[in-house]
Amino acid sequence: MPVSYPMITTYTQHAHLLSILTHYECAHPWIFNNYIQLFINKDYKHHWGDFYFPVTYELRPSDACKWITTQKLHRDTVTTKWDSVTHFIIENINANNYVHTMINYFYVPLSDRYNKLQLHHDIFVYGYDLDREILYVSDFFKNGVYSQAEISFNDFNLAFDMNHLTTNHDYLREMVYLYTFNDQYQDKFSADTLVNSIRNYFTNKTPEYWEMFNYGGDRDNLDFGMQIYTTLFNHAKETSEHKAMLDIRPFHLLYDHKKMMTLRFKYLYDNRHLIELNQEHIDEYTAIELKAKILVNLAIKYNLTKDTNTSESLQTLIMNIENEESIFLERWLKKVGIQ
């Protein structure tokens, strides 16, 4: 089944979906019309920030994407109706379905959790080789890096069957997801909608339907849009004061967002969707993206050293990136007549 390396890799709910969509150029307008707004918890006891989609957390971004047809089967259905999960996967791959399921990484030799930690995670399966008895899979196997790899039928069967309910929450809710690419869908791209979404990100606007989909009570505990910088700064400062470990994920989320913004501007420019966009704008945003990548590396370095100077550099760079992006977006949004 065709896949490409995804544009976003902070979380699997995006990386798995975008492994499919990145491959199909016709789906790129949908990608670039999404992945604009951010939300993040002010209280980093919960370690959570993400791209915003107008659906409840119990649903996945794939449920909001019309390029994908999603089916969901309970794990018990798979184990009852098929003699092994690999036979189930082979049957579905043959029917043009990608497979997304939870497995226990204690039994996954690919993983740095192998034989060390009883913890399950969601893996993406996109192919198989009967002669070699392997599955082609994607996930964060080592060092938090999203990668494509191979796993034997036997290892996958064991990891699926053993100790499913381990130490962490099953965010697929005991379901196995099947994704089919819907090549009959006709997307309607709107540059105006995209620019307005960027404006909402810039002005920290609470997303439409947030209270409806997310129960309203947590609004005061969240930051939206460019407020993410304040949360990251506070997290870095507080972590340094307590000599604690930084959560790398929100820094990677920020980098993914800048990378997506650069790709978005390139797409708009290449397809002549906005006359108010030129190569100079792309170059400016590419520089912001590069600084966001340096920020991730600084966060990793701090975790290795717990060095106060590294933390101070991290905090300074957060403010620097915020300032540069704010100046850029304010100027650019005025130029397109939205601000």
Protein backbone atom coordinates (compact mmCIF):
# COMPACT_ATOMS: atom_id res chain seq x y z
CA MET A 1 0.00 0.00 0.00
CA PRO A 2 1.44 3.41 -0.93
CA VAL A 3 2.80 5.66 1.83
CA SER A 4 5.16 8.62 2.08
CA TYR A 5 7.01 10.05 5.04
CA PRO A 6 4.44 12.30 6.75
CA MET A 7 4.69 16.09 6.92
CA ILE A 8 3.93 16.00 10.67
CA THR A 9 5.36 13.53 13.19
CA THR A 10 4.66 14.89 16.70
CA TYR A 11 1.82 12.43 17.36
CA THR A 12 0.78 9.20 15.65
CA GLN A 13 -2.81 10.37 15.08
CA HIS A 14 -1.38 12.82 12.54
CA ALA A 15 1.67 10.89 11.36
CA HIS A 16 -0.26 7.72 10.47
CA LEU A 17 -2.97 9.64 8.60
CA LEU A 18 -0.47 11.84 6.80
CA SER A 19 1.59 8.82 5.79
CA ILE A 20 -1.32 8.15 3.45
CA LEU A 21 -2.35 11.69 2.52
CA THR A 22 1.17 13.03 1.89
CA HIS A 23 1.54 10.38 -0.82
CA TYR A 24 -1.50 11.66 -2.74
CA GLU A 25 -1.02 15.14 -4.17
CA CYS A 26 -4.77 15.56 -4.64
CA ALA A 27 -5.14 15.45 -0.85
CA HIS A 28 -2.60 18.20 -0.19
CA PRO A 29 -5.21 21.02 -0.27
CA TRP A 30 -6.98 19.33 2.66
CA ILE A 31 -3.71 19.06 4.58
CA PHE A 32 -2.87 22.72 4.03
CA ASN A 33 -6.36 23.90 4.98
CA ASN A 34 -5.90 22.10 8.31
CA TYR A 35 -3.01 21.88 10.78
CA ILE A 36 -3.11 25.64 11.40
CA GLN A 37 -4.65 26.18 14.85
CA LEU A 38 -2.89 24.97 18.02
CA PHE A 39 -4.02 24.43 21.60
CA ILE A 40 -1.95 23.60 24.65
CA ASN A 41 -2.45 22.97 28.37
CA LYS A 42 -1.14 25.76 30.58
CA ASP A 43 -0.69 23.18 33.34
CA TYR A 44 2.10 20.89 32.24
CA LYS A 45 1.14 18.15 34.64
CA HIS A 46 -0.89 16.91 31.68
CA HIS A 47 1.82 17.35 29.04
CA TRP A 48 -0.57 17.99 26.22
CA GLY A 49 -0.74 20.29 23.23
CA ASP A 50 -1.80 19.54 19.69
CA PHE A 51 -3.20 20.76 16.40
CA TYR A 52 -6.88 21.58 16.79
CA PHE A 53 -9.56 19.67 14.88
CA PRO A 54 -13.29 20.45 15.33
CA VAL A 55 -14.09 17.01 16.75
CA THR A 56 -14.16 15.53 20.26
CA TYR A 57 -10.95 13.95 21.50
CA GLU A 58 -12.60 10.50 21.26
CA LEU A 59 -12.54 10.93 17.48
CA ARG A 60 -9.38 11.09 15.38
CA PRO A 61 -8.44 13.58 12.62
CA SER A 62 -9.09 10.75 10.16
CA ASP A 63 -12.78 10.98 11.11
CA ALA A 64 -12.79 14.59 9.89
CA CYS A 65 -11.02 13.84 6.60
CA LYS A 66 -13.19 12.99 3.59
CA TRP A 67 -10.17 11.65 1.69
CA ILE A 68 -10.25 8.72 4.12
CA THR A 69 -12.99 6.18 4.76
CA THR A 70 -12.61 4.79 8.28
CA GLN A 71 -13.94 1.50 9.64
CA LYS A 72 -13.63 0.46 13.29
CA LEU A 73 -13.73 -3.08 14.65
CA HIS A 74 -13.41 -4.13 18.25
CA ARG A 75 -10.27 -6.11 19.05
CA ASP A 76 -12.44 -8.98 20.25
CA THR A 77 -14.03 -9.20 16.80
CA VAL A 78 -10.59 -9.59 15.23
CA THR A 79 -9.51 -12.33 17.65
CA THR A 80 -12.86 -14.13 17.38
CA LYS A 81 -13.29 -14.07 13.59
CA TRP A 82 -9.64 -14.53 12.51
CA ASP A 83 -7.16 -17.14 13.75
CA SER A 84 -4.44 -14.47 13.95
CA VAL A 85 -4.21 -10.70 13.67
CA THR A 86 -1.73 -11.05 10.80
CA HIS A 87 -4.29 -12.99 8.75
CA PHE A 88 -6.76 -10.19 9.48
CA ILE A 89 -4.19 -7.62 8.34
CA ILE A 90 -3.30 -9.51 5.14
CA GLU A 91 -6.98 -9.79 4.22
CA ASN A 92 -7.48 -6.06 4.77
CA ILE A 93 -4.33 -4.96 2.97
CA ASN A 94 -5.57 -7.01 0.01
CA ALA A 95 -8.83 -5.03 0.25
CA ASN A 96 -6.86 -1.71 0.12
CA ASN A 97 -7.22 -1.01 3.84
CA TYR A 98 -4.42 0.36 5.98
CA VAL A 99 -4.50 -0.96 9.57
CA HIS A 100 -4.06 1.08 12.78
CA THR A 101 -4.05 -0.77 16.09
CA MET A 102 -2.57 -0.90 19.60
CA ILE A 103 0.12 -3.46 20.44
CA ASN A 104 2.34 -4.11 23.47
CA TYR A 105 5.84 -2.81 22.74
CA PHE A 106 7.42 -5.07 25.36
CA TYR A 107 7.22 -7.71 22.60
CA VAL A 108 8.36 -5.54 19.67
CA PRO A 109 12.08 -6.06 18.87
CA LEU A 110 12.04 -2.86 16.78
CA SER A 111 11.33 -0.78 19.86
CA ASP A 112 13.64 0.58 22.54
CA ARG A 113 10.95 -0.63 24.98
CA TYR A 114 11.55 -4.27 23.93
CA ASN A 115 11.83 -6.55 26.99
CA LYS A 116 12.00 -3.43 29.18
CA LEU A 117 8.58 -1.80 29.49
CA GLN A 118 5.02 -3.12 29.42
CA LEU A 119 3.51 -0.29 27.42
CA HIS A 120 1.22 -0.33 24.44
CA HIS A 121 1.24 2.09 21.55
CA ASP A 122 -0.58 2.49 18.25
CA ILE A 123 1.19 1.07 15.21
CA PHE A 124 0.37 1.67 11.53
CA VAL A 125 0.49 -1.28 9.09
CA TYR A 126 0.64 -0.62 5.35
CA GLY A 127 1.94 -3.81 3.73
CA TYR A 128 3.25 -7.35 4.06
CA ASP A 129 5.62 -9.88 2.45
CA LEU A 130 4.34 -13.45 2.59
CA ASP A 131 7.66 -15.02 1.57
CA ARG A 132 9.59 -13.24 4.33
CA GLU A 133 6.62 -13.35 6.75
CA ILE A 134 6.91 -9.68 7.67
CA LEU A 135 4.64 -6.67 7.97
CA TYR A 136 5.60 -3.14 6.90
CA VAL A 137 4.87 -0.79 9.78
CA SER A 138 5.37 2.79 11.02
CA ASP A 139 5.63 4.30 14.50
CA PHE A 140 8.04 5.84 17.02
CA PHE A 141 10.22 2.79 17.54
CA LYS A 142 13.51 4.26 18.79
CA ASN A 143 14.54 7.59 20.33
CA GLY A 144 11.13 9.15 19.67
CA VAL A 145 11.73 9.23 15.90
CA TYR A 146 8.88 8.30 13.55
CA SER A 147 10.11 5.66 11.12
CA GLN A 148 9.04 2.95 8.68
CA ALA A 149 10.25 -0.57 9.44
CA GLU A 150 9.55 -4.31 9.29
CA ILE A 151 8.26 -6.73 11.94
CA SER A 152 7.81 -10.49 11.73
CA PHE A 153 4.36 -12.08 11.72
CA ASN A 154 5.18 -13.94 14.95
CA ASP A 155 6.36 -10.85 16.82
CA PHE A 156 3.31 -8.84 15.73
CA ASN A 157 0.89 -11.63 16.72
CA LEU A 158 2.49 -11.85 20.17
CA ALA A 159 2.54 -8.07 20.68
CA PHE A 160 -1.14 -7.83 19.70
CA ASP A 161 -2.29 -10.74 21.87
CA MET A 162 -0.26 -10.24 25.06
CA ASN A 163 -1.20 -7.98 27.97
CA HIS A 164 -3.15 -5.47 25.94
CA LEU A 165 -4.19 -3.37 28.93
CA THR A 166 -0.77 -2.41 30.25
CA THR A 167 0.30 0.76 32.05
CA ASN A 168 -1.18 3.37 29.73
CA HIS A 169 -4.54 4.41 28.35
CA ASP A 170 -5.83 2.80 25.15
CA TYR A 171 -6.72 5.89 23.13
CA LEU A 172 -8.16 3.77 20.33
CA ARG A 173 -10.71 2.53 22.90
CA GLU A 174 -10.20 -1.18 22.15
CA MET A 175 -10.86 -0.58 18.45
CA VAL A 176 -8.85 -1.50 15.36
CA TYR A 177 -9.03 1.21 12.69
CA LEU A 178 -9.10 0.50 8.95
CA TYR A 179 -8.37 3.36 6.53
CA THR A 180 -9.20 3.37 2.83
CA PHE A 181 -8.11 6.20 0.58
CA ASN A 182 -11.19 7.71 -1.06
CA ASP A 183 -9.99 8.63 -4.55
CA GLN A 184 -13.52 9.66 -5.56
CA TYR A 185 -13.59 12.67 -3.26
CA GLN A 186 -13.40 16.12 -4.86
CA ASP A 187 -11.83 18.70 -2.58
CA LYS A 188 -12.71 22.40 -2.74
CA PHE A 189 -9.77 24.58 -1.83
CA SER A 190 -10.36 28.07 -0.43
CA ALA A 191 -7.42 30.43 0.01
CA ASP A 192 -9.72 32.84 1.92
CA THR A 193 -10.60 30.14 4.45
CA LEU A 194 -6.95 29.27 4.88
CA VAL A 195 -5.91 32.89 5.45
CA ASN A 196 -8.74 33.37 7.95
CA SER A 197 -7.57 30.30 9.86
CA ILE A 198 -4.05 31.76 10.01
CA ARG A 199 -5.56 34.98 11.33
CA ASN A 200 -7.39 33.03 14.07
CA TYR A 201 -4.09 31.40 15.01
CA PHE A 202 -2.37 34.81 15.12
CA THR A 203 -5.12 36.39 17.27
CA ASN A 204 -5.33 33.39 19.67
CA LYS A 205 -9.01 32.93 18.90
CA THR A 206 -10.84 30.10 20.64
CA PRO A 207 -11.77 27.68 17.84
CA GLU A 208 -15.36 27.49 16.74
CA TYR A 209 -17.27 24.65 18.41
CA TRP A 210 -14.62 24.24 21.16
CA GLU A 211 -17.20 24.34 23.95
CA MET A 212 -19.55 22.05 22.05
CA PHE A 213 -16.92 19.39 21.38
CA ASN A 214 -14.72 19.72 24.44
CA TYR A 215 -17.22 20.25 27.26
CA GLY A 216 -16.23 23.84 27.93
CA GLY A 217 -14.89 23.40 31.43
CA ASP A 218 -11.22 23.34 30.48
CA ARG A 219 -11.10 26.57 28.46
CA ASP A 220 -9.39 28.54 31.24
CA ASN A 221 -6.64 25.92 31.43
CA LEU A 222 -5.75 26.17 27.76
CA ASP A 223 -3.87 28.49 25.46
CA PHE A 224 -4.63 28.80 21.76
CA GLY A 225 -2.66 29.92 18.74
CA MET A 226 0.44 31.95 19.43
CA GLN A 227 -0.17 31.74 23.18
CA ILE A 228 1.69 28.42 22.90
CA TYR A 229 4.90 30.43 23.25
CA THR A 230 3.90 31.65 26.72
CA THR A 231 3.18 28.09 27.82
CA LEU A 232 6.47 26.80 26.41
CA PHE A 233 8.39 29.61 28.10
CA ASN A 234 6.74 28.92 31.47
CA HIS A 235 7.36 25.19 31.08
CA ALA A 236 11.05 25.75 30.29
CA LYS A 237 11.50 28.18 33.20
CA GLU A 238 9.71 26.03 35.78
CA THR A 239 11.52 22.89 34.61
CA SER A 240 14.89 24.59 34.95
CA GLU A 241 14.09 25.85 38.46
CA HIS A 242 13.34 22.28 39.58
CA LYS A 243 16.09 20.65 37.49
CA ALA A 244 13.37 18.45 36.02
CA MET A 245 13.00 16.88 32.56
CA LEU A 246 11.41 18.86 29.74
CA ASP A 247 8.61 17.29 27.75
CA ILE A 248 10.04 17.45 24.21
CA ARG A 249 6.70 16.94 22.47
CA PRO A 250 5.32 20.50 22.63
CA PHE A 251 8.62 21.83 21.27
CA HIS A 252 8.39 19.34 18.42
CA LEU A 253 4.76 20.38 17.93
CA LEU A 254 5.91 23.98 17.49
CA TYR A 255 8.53 22.86 14.96
CA ASP A 256 5.97 20.76 13.06
CA HIS A 257 3.70 23.82 12.94
CA LYS A 258 6.44 26.02 11.45
CA LYS A 259 7.36 23.29 8.97
CA MET A 260 3.71 23.04 7.92
CA MET A 261 3.43 26.81 7.57
CA THR A 262 6.46 26.88 5.25
CA LEU A 263 5.04 24.03 3.15
CA ARG A 264 1.67 25.82 3.11
CA PHE A 265 3.20 29.04 1.82
CA LYS A 266 5.12 27.10 -0.84
CA TYR A 267 1.91 25.40 -1.92
CA LEU A 268 0.04 28.72 -2.14
CA TYR A 269 2.89 30.30 -4.07
CA ASP A 270 3.45 27.39 -6.49
CA ASN A 271 -0.27 27.19 -7.30
CA ARG A 272 -0.74 30.97 -7.53
CA HIS A 273 -3.51 30.95 -4.95
CA LEU A 274 -2.43 34.27 -3.40
CA ILE A 275 -0.83 37.11 -5.32
CA GLU A 276 0.17 38.65 -1.95
CA LEU A 277 2.70 35.86 -1.42
CA ASN A 278 6.22 35.81 -2.83
CA GLN A 279 9.48 33.90 -2.46
CA GLU A 280 10.73 36.41 0.10
CA HIS A 281 7.85 35.47 2.42
CA ILE A 282 8.74 31.79 2.06
CA ASP A 283 12.39 32.52 2.85
CA GLU A 284 11.40 34.50 5.96
CA TYR A 285 9.23 31.68 7.25
CA THR A 286 11.87 29.08 6.44
CA ALA A 287 14.21 31.01 8.78
CA ILE A 288 11.57 30.83 11.53
CA GLU A 289 11.19 27.09 10.89
CA LEU A 290 14.95 26.60 11.23
CA LYS A 291 14.96 28.37 14.61
CA ALA A 292 12.11 26.11 15.76
CA LYS A 293 14.22 23.09 14.83
CA ILE A 294 17.15 24.51 16.82
CA LEU A 295 14.71 24.96 19.73
CA VAL A 296 13.93 21.22 19.71
CA ASN A 297 17.64 20.40 19.76
CA LEU A 298 18.20 22.83 22.65
CA ALA A 299 15.38 21.16 24.61
CA ILE A 300 17.01 17.75 24.02
CA LYS A 301 20.39 19.17 25.06
CA TYR A 302 18.91 20.58 28.27
CA ASN A 303 17.46 17.17 29.18
CA LEU A 304 20.92 15.65 28.77
CA THR A 305 22.80 18.31 30.74
CA LYS A 306 20.29 20.10 33.05
CA ASP A 307 22.51 23.11 32.34
CA THR A 308 21.09 26.50 33.44
CA ASN A 309 22.73 28.34 30.54
CA THR A 310 21.10 25.96 28.05
CA SER A 311 17.73 26.58 29.65
CA GLU A 312 18.26 30.35 29.47
CA SER A 313 19.18 30.02 25.78
CA LEU A 314 16.03 27.97 25.29
CA GLN A 315 13.84 30.62 26.93
CA THR A 316 15.47 33.42 24.91
CA LEU A 317 14.96 31.53 21.66
CA ILE A 318 11.27 30.91 22.46
CA MET A 319 10.72 34.66 22.82
CA ASN A 320 12.78 35.34 19.70
CA ILE A 321 10.75 32.96 17.53
CA GLU A 322 7.49 34.36 18.91
CA ASN A 323 8.59 37.90 18.09
CA GLU A 324 9.69 37.04 14.55
CA GLU A 325 6.52 35.09 13.75
CA SER A 326 4.33 37.83 15.23
CA ILE A 327 6.02 40.55 13.15
CA PHE A 328 5.80 38.42 10.01
CA LEU A 329 2.13 37.45 10.39
CA GLU A 330 0.97 40.93 11.37
CA ARG A 331 2.63 42.41 8.28
CA TRP A 332 1.54 39.65 5.94
CA LEU A 333 -2.09 39.54 7.13
CA LYS A 334 -2.38 43.30 6.61
CA LYS A 335 -1.08 42.80 3.06
CA VAL A 336 -3.77 40.21 2.24
CA GLY A 337 -6.46 42.46 3.73
CA ILE A 338 -7.58 40.13 6.52
CA GLN A 339 -5.95 41.78 9.52
